[in-house]
Amino acid sequence: MRCVRRSVVLVLPVLVVGCTQSVAGTATAAPRPVLDSAAVERDVRAVVAQDPARRDAVAGAQVVCPHDVPADRNLVVFCDVTGAGLRLTVPVTILDADGNYQVGIAF
């Protein structure tokens, strides 16, 4: 008598159950960079002082620029230079999101 062995492979369906978890809370965005208004005011004063006709007057003038200005590319803000016989407006153009800027020509 001869024995024959047979192999049987059983395939069973597998049910996969996923688990999810919700996390409650508010996403907070990274703070937006803002211009350093003190540095802008210092640079505006320096640019106006490059004009020989205004050099002496700007030393005693007050320079006021907006505070808490977001560093948004191409945004233009205006600084006022007043006192000591001066009354000027100076445009400042923000060049990039890092807060680099360019001081324009006073008018």
C-alpha atoms as a PDB file:
ATOM      1  CA  MET A   1       0.000   0.000   0.000  1.00  0.00           C
ATOM      2  CA  ARG A   2       1.181   3.345  -0.936  1.00  0.00           C
ATOM      3  CA  CYS A   3       0.632   6.562   1.048  1.00  0.00           C
ATOM      4  CA  VAL A   4       0.162   9.844  -0.694  1.00  0.00           C
ATOM      5  CA  ARG A   5       0.548  13.032   1.203  1.00  0.00           C
ATOM      6  CA  ARG A   6      -1.304  16.089   0.110  1.00  0.00           C
ATOM      7  CA  SER A   7      -0.780  19.614   1.315  1.00  0.00           C
ATOM      8  CA  VAL A   8      -3.684  21.892   1.687  1.00  0.00           C
ATOM      9  CA  VAL A   9      -3.211  25.655   1.758  1.00  0.00           C
ATOM     10  CA  LEU A  10      -5.969  27.498   3.447  1.00  0.00           C
ATOM     11  CA  VAL A  11      -6.546  31.142   2.455  1.00  0.00           C
ATOM     12  CA  LEU A  12      -8.587  33.115   4.915  1.00  0.00           C
ATOM     13  CA  PRO A  13      -9.767  36.676   4.398  1.00  0.00           C
ATOM     14  CA  VAL A  14      -8.166  39.113   6.811  1.00  0.00           C
ATOM     15  CA  LEU A  15     -10.114  42.011   8.210  1.00  0.00           C
ATOM     16  CA  VAL A  16      -7.988  45.042   8.978  1.00  0.00           C
ATOM     17  CA  VAL A  17      -9.422  47.595  11.310  1.00  0.00           C
ATOM     18  CA  GLY A  18      -7.781  50.996  11.466  1.00  0.00           C
ATOM     19  CA  CYS A  19      -7.597  53.226  14.454  1.00  0.00           C
ATOM     20  CA  THR A  20      -7.622  57.005  14.310  1.00  0.00           C
ATOM     21  CA  GLN A  21      -7.345  59.550  17.009  1.00  0.00           C
ATOM     22  CA  SER A  22      -8.462  63.142  16.875  1.00  0.00           C
ATOM     23  CA  VAL A  23      -6.520  65.766  18.703  1.00  0.00           C
ATOM     24  CA  ALA A  24      -8.467  68.804  19.728  1.00  0.00           C
ATOM     25  CA  GLY A  25      -6.800  72.173  19.686  1.00  0.00           C
ATOM     26  CA  THR A  26      -6.049  75.186  17.613  1.00  0.00           C
ATOM     27  CA  ALA A  27      -3.178  75.204  15.183  1.00  0.00           C
ATOM     28  CA  THR A  28      -0.969  78.200  15.720  1.00  0.00           C
ATOM     29  CA  ALA A  29       0.885  79.768  12.856  1.00  0.00           C
ATOM     30  CA  ALA A  30       4.461  80.832  13.252  1.00  0.00           C
ATOM     31  CA  PRO A  31       4.690  84.495  14.198  1.00  0.00           C
ATOM     32  CA  ARG A  32       5.084  86.764  11.210  1.00  0.00           C
ATOM     33  CA  PRO A  33       8.316  88.719  11.138  1.00  0.00           C
ATOM     34  CA  VAL A  34       7.963  92.453  11.628  1.00  0.00           C
ATOM     35  CA  LEU A  35      10.254  95.335  10.806  1.00  0.00           C
ATOM     36  CA  ASP A  36      12.539  96.650  13.496  1.00  0.00           C
ATOM     37  CA  SER A  37      11.110 100.169  13.626  1.00  0.00           C
ATOM     38  CA  ALA A  38      14.069 101.559  15.604  1.00  0.00           C
ATOM     39  CA  ALA A  39      16.478 100.328  12.920  1.00  0.00           C
ATOM     40  CA  VAL A  40      14.265 101.738  10.158  1.00  0.00           C
ATOM     41  CA  GLU A  41      14.131 105.132  11.883  1.00  0.00           C
ATOM     42  CA  ARG A  42      17.924 105.116  12.307  1.00  0.00           C
ATOM     43  CA  ASP A  43      18.409 104.258   8.610  1.00  0.00           C
ATOM     44  CA  VAL A  44      15.914 106.903   7.465  1.00  0.00           C
ATOM     45  CA  ARG A  45      17.824 109.511   9.479  1.00  0.00           C
ATOM     46  CA  ALA A  46      21.108 108.360   7.889  1.00  0.00           C
ATOM     47  CA  VAL A  47      19.708 108.526   4.349  1.00  0.00           C
ATOM     48  CA  VAL A  48      18.250 112.020   4.855  1.00  0.00           C
ATOM     49  CA  ALA A  49      21.579 113.130   6.379  1.00  0.00           C
ATOM     50  CA  GLN A  50      23.364 112.181   3.152  1.00  0.00           C
ATOM     51  CA  ASP A  51      21.815 115.283   1.573  1.00  0.00           C
ATOM     52  CA  PRO A  52      24.265 118.108   2.440  1.00  0.00           C
ATOM     53  CA  ALA A  53      21.414 120.656   2.551  1.00  0.00           C
ATOM     54  CA  ARG A  54      19.619 118.638   5.251  1.00  0.00           C
ATOM     55  CA  ARG A  55      22.549 117.154   7.169  1.00  0.00           C
ATOM     56  CA  ASP A  56      22.549 119.643  10.055  1.00  0.00           C
ATOM     57  CA  ALA A  57      18.758 119.878  10.339  1.00  0.00           C
ATOM     58  CA  VAL A  58      18.152 116.126  10.497  1.00  0.00           C
ATOM     59  CA  ALA A  59      20.395 115.827  13.566  1.00  0.00           C
ATOM     60  CA  GLY A  60      17.763 117.652  15.642  1.00  0.00           C
ATOM     61  CA  ALA A  61      14.701 116.316  13.826  1.00  0.00           C
ATOM     62  CA  GLN A  62      12.329 113.622  15.007  1.00  0.00           C
ATOM     63  CA  VAL A  63      12.005 110.523  12.817  1.00  0.00           C
ATOM     64  CA  VAL A  64       8.829 108.480  13.268  1.00  0.00           C
ATOM     65  CA  CYS A  65       8.069 105.267  11.402  1.00  0.00           C
ATOM     66  CA  PRO A  66       5.111 102.903  11.862  1.00  0.00           C
ATOM     67  CA  HIS A  67       5.584 100.159  14.455  1.00  0.00           C
ATOM     68  CA  ASP A  68       4.678  96.454  14.221  1.00  0.00           C
ATOM     69  CA  VAL A  69       4.757  96.480  10.418  1.00  0.00           C
ATOM     70  CA  PRO A  70       4.659  92.946   8.979  1.00  0.00           C
ATOM     71  CA  ALA A  71       7.567  92.063   6.700  1.00  0.00           C
ATOM     72  CA  ASP A  72       5.399  91.678   3.606  1.00  0.00           C
ATOM     73  CA  ARG A  73       7.324  91.877   0.343  1.00  0.00           C
ATOM     74  CA  ASN A  74       6.701  95.082  -1.659  1.00  0.00           C
ATOM     75  CA  LEU A  75       4.811  96.757   1.168  1.00  0.00           C
ATOM     76  CA  VAL A  76       5.646 100.463   1.357  1.00  0.00           C
ATOM     77  CA  VAL A  77       5.456 102.372   4.624  1.00  0.00           C
ATOM     78  CA  PHE A  78       6.089 106.067   5.143  1.00  0.00           C
ATOM     79  CA  CYS A  79       8.224 107.653   7.827  1.00  0.00           C
ATOM     80  CA  ASP A  80       7.940 111.287   8.905  1.00  0.00           C
ATOM     81  CA  VAL A  81      10.929 113.504   9.578  1.00  0.00           C
ATOM     82  CA  THR A  82       9.881 116.686  11.379  1.00  0.00           C
ATOM     83  CA  GLY A  83      11.479 119.452  13.386  1.00  0.00           C
ATOM     84  CA  ALA A  84      14.482 121.712  13.030  1.00  0.00           C
ATOM     85  CA  GLY A  85      12.956 123.239   9.906  1.00  0.00           C
ATOM     86  CA  LEU A  86      12.255 119.883   8.234  1.00  0.00           C
ATOM     87  CA  ARG A  87       8.957 118.352   7.264  1.00  0.00           C
ATOM     88  CA  LEU A  88       9.646 115.314   5.096  1.00  0.00           C
ATOM     89  CA  THR A  89       8.044 112.010   4.209  1.00  0.00           C
ATOM     90  CA  VAL A  90      10.338 109.089   3.409  1.00  0.00           C
ATOM     91  CA  PRO A  91       9.098 105.878   1.745  1.00  0.00           C
ATOM     92  CA  VAL A  92      10.495 102.563   2.953  1.00  0.00           C
ATOM     93  CA  THR A  93       9.923  99.517   0.729  1.00  0.00           C
ATOM     94  CA  ILE A  94      10.050  96.041   2.255  1.00  0.00           C
ATOM     95  CA  LEU A  95      12.079  93.787  -0.020  1.00  0.00           C
ATOM     96  CA  ASP A  96      11.386  90.328   1.421  1.00  0.00           C
ATOM     97  CA  ALA A  97       9.812  88.317   4.219  1.00  0.00           C
ATOM     98  CA  ASP A  98      13.075  88.490   6.190  1.00  0.00           C
ATOM     99  CA  GLY A  99      12.480  92.170   6.810  1.00  0.00           C
ATOM    100  CA  ASN A 100      15.100  93.607   4.480  1.00  0.00           C
ATOM    101  CA  TYR A 101      14.077  97.043   3.257  1.00  0.00           C
ATOM    102  CA  GLN A 102      15.138  99.972   1.122  1.00  0.00           C
ATOM    103  CA  VAL A 103      14.868 103.596   2.201  1.00  0.00           C
ATOM    104  CA  GLY A 104      13.629 105.805  -0.613  1.00  0.00           C
ATOM    105  CA  ILE A 105      14.098 109.453  -1.475  1.00  0.00           C
ATOM    106  CA  ALA A 106      12.536 111.966   0.919  1.00  0.00           C
ATOM    107  CA  PHE A 107       9.841 114.255  -0.399  1.00  0.00           C
END
